[in-house]
Amino acid sequence: MAAHSQATGHTDIEYISLRRGKRVFQLVKMNGYTYSKNTGKCGPGNLWLCSKYKRGKCPAKFRVIGDKVIYYTVNHTHQPPVLKKALDGVYQIY
């Protein structure tokens, strides 16, 4: 069963940089999972999709308006990634 919620003021959100090879991506980390911003416009605010949305078909996502999470679904189909923060502050997946 999918866990859905209408929520406000979720506090466990961290904006991070993640290095994959030579590229650095801007992601959000929430409850140990990483999310990438959906670049298409679909509704108010910003929609963030689980980083495994395309490759792993993970349906987890959340929507933010301003600094408040207004909706999220947390039914991940995988374990959270193991992230290590490098000395330069950029994360890597191990």
Protein backbone atom coordinates (compact mmCIF):
# COMPACT_ATOMS: atom_id res chain seq x y z
CA MET A 1 0.00 0.00 0.00
CA ALA A 2 1.37 3.40 -0.92
CA ALA A 3 1.97 5.88 1.86
CA HIS A 4 0.60 9.27 0.86
CA SER A 5 0.34 12.40 2.91
CA GLN A 6 -0.70 15.98 2.65
CA ALA A 7 2.05 17.55 4.76
CA THR A 8 3.39 20.94 5.68
CA GLY A 9 6.73 21.95 7.11
CA HIS A 10 8.63 18.68 6.64
CA THR A 11 12.03 19.29 8.21
CA ASP A 12 14.23 16.39 7.05
CA ILE A 13 15.12 17.88 3.64
CA GLU A 14 18.73 18.58 2.69
CA TYR A 15 19.90 20.00 -0.63
CA ILE A 16 23.05 18.14 -1.66
CA SER A 17 25.53 17.85 -4.52
CA LEU A 18 26.24 14.32 -5.77
CA ARG A 19 29.26 13.40 -7.90
CA ARG A 20 28.94 10.70 -10.53
CA GLY A 21 32.19 10.43 -12.45
CA LYS A 22 33.12 13.97 -13.52
CA ARG A 23 29.55 15.31 -13.30
CA VAL A 24 27.98 16.89 -10.22
CA PHE A 25 24.20 16.81 -9.75
CA GLN A 26 22.02 18.87 -7.42
CA LEU A 27 19.64 16.62 -5.49
CA VAL A 28 17.50 16.62 -2.39
CA LYS A 29 18.04 14.09 0.38
CA MET A 30 14.98 13.27 2.51
CA ASN A 31 14.87 10.44 5.04
CA GLY A 32 18.00 8.90 3.50
CA TYR A 33 16.68 8.78 -0.07
CA THR A 34 17.73 11.09 -2.91
CA TYR A 35 15.39 12.94 -5.27
CA SER A 36 15.92 14.88 -8.48
CA LYS A 37 13.84 17.85 -9.56
CA ASN A 38 11.30 17.18 -12.29
CA THR A 39 12.07 19.64 -15.07
CA GLY A 40 8.60 19.50 -16.63
CA LYS A 41 5.91 21.86 -15.34
CA CYS A 42 3.12 19.87 -13.77
CA GLY A 43 1.20 21.74 -11.11
CA PRO A 44 2.17 24.28 -8.49
CA GLY A 45 5.61 24.38 -6.89
CA ASN A 46 8.40 21.91 -7.61
CA LEU A 47 7.97 18.17 -8.01
CA TRP A 48 10.87 16.00 -6.83
CA LEU A 49 11.07 12.38 -8.05
CA CYS A 50 13.06 9.57 -6.47
CA SER A 51 16.48 9.32 -8.10
CA LYS A 52 15.59 5.74 -9.08
CA TYR A 53 12.39 6.88 -10.80
CA LYS A 54 13.56 6.10 -14.35
CA ARG A 55 16.04 3.26 -13.88
CA GLY A 56 14.35 1.49 -10.97
CA LYS A 57 10.76 2.61 -11.64
CA CYS A 58 10.47 3.86 -8.05
CA PRO A 59 7.23 5.85 -7.62
CA ALA A 60 8.28 7.91 -4.54
CA LYS A 61 7.96 11.69 -4.96
CA PHE A 62 7.12 14.91 -3.16
CA ARG A 63 5.97 18.43 -4.03
CA VAL A 64 7.33 21.62 -2.49
CA ILE A 65 5.86 25.11 -2.58
CA GLY A 66 8.26 27.64 -1.11
CA ASP A 67 9.96 25.78 1.73
CA LYS A 68 7.02 23.52 2.62
CA VAL A 69 6.39 19.96 1.51
CA ILE A 70 2.71 19.86 0.59
CA TYR A 71 2.47 16.27 -0.70
CA TYR A 72 4.61 13.15 -0.60
CA THR A 73 4.44 9.44 -1.32
CA VAL A 74 7.14 7.30 0.25
CA ASN A 75 6.56 3.86 -1.22
CA HIS A 76 10.16 3.28 -2.38
CA THR A 77 10.91 0.04 -4.19
CA HIS A 78 14.53 -0.10 -2.99
CA GLN A 79 16.80 0.62 -0.04
CA PRO A 80 18.25 4.13 0.43
CA PRO A 81 21.63 4.70 -1.22
CA VAL A 82 24.82 4.62 0.83
CA LEU A 83 26.20 8.16 0.57
CA LYS A 84 29.59 9.39 1.75
CA LYS A 85 30.43 13.08 1.98
CA ALA A 86 33.85 13.98 0.55
CA LEU A 87 36.12 16.64 2.01
CA ASP A 88 34.87 19.14 -0.60
CA GLY A 89 31.29 18.65 0.65
CA VAL A 90 30.12 16.74 -2.43
CA TYR A 91 28.51 13.33 -1.84
CA GLN A 92 29.32 10.10 -3.66
CA ILE A 93 27.33 6.85 -3.79
CA TYR A 94 29.09 3.73 -2.48
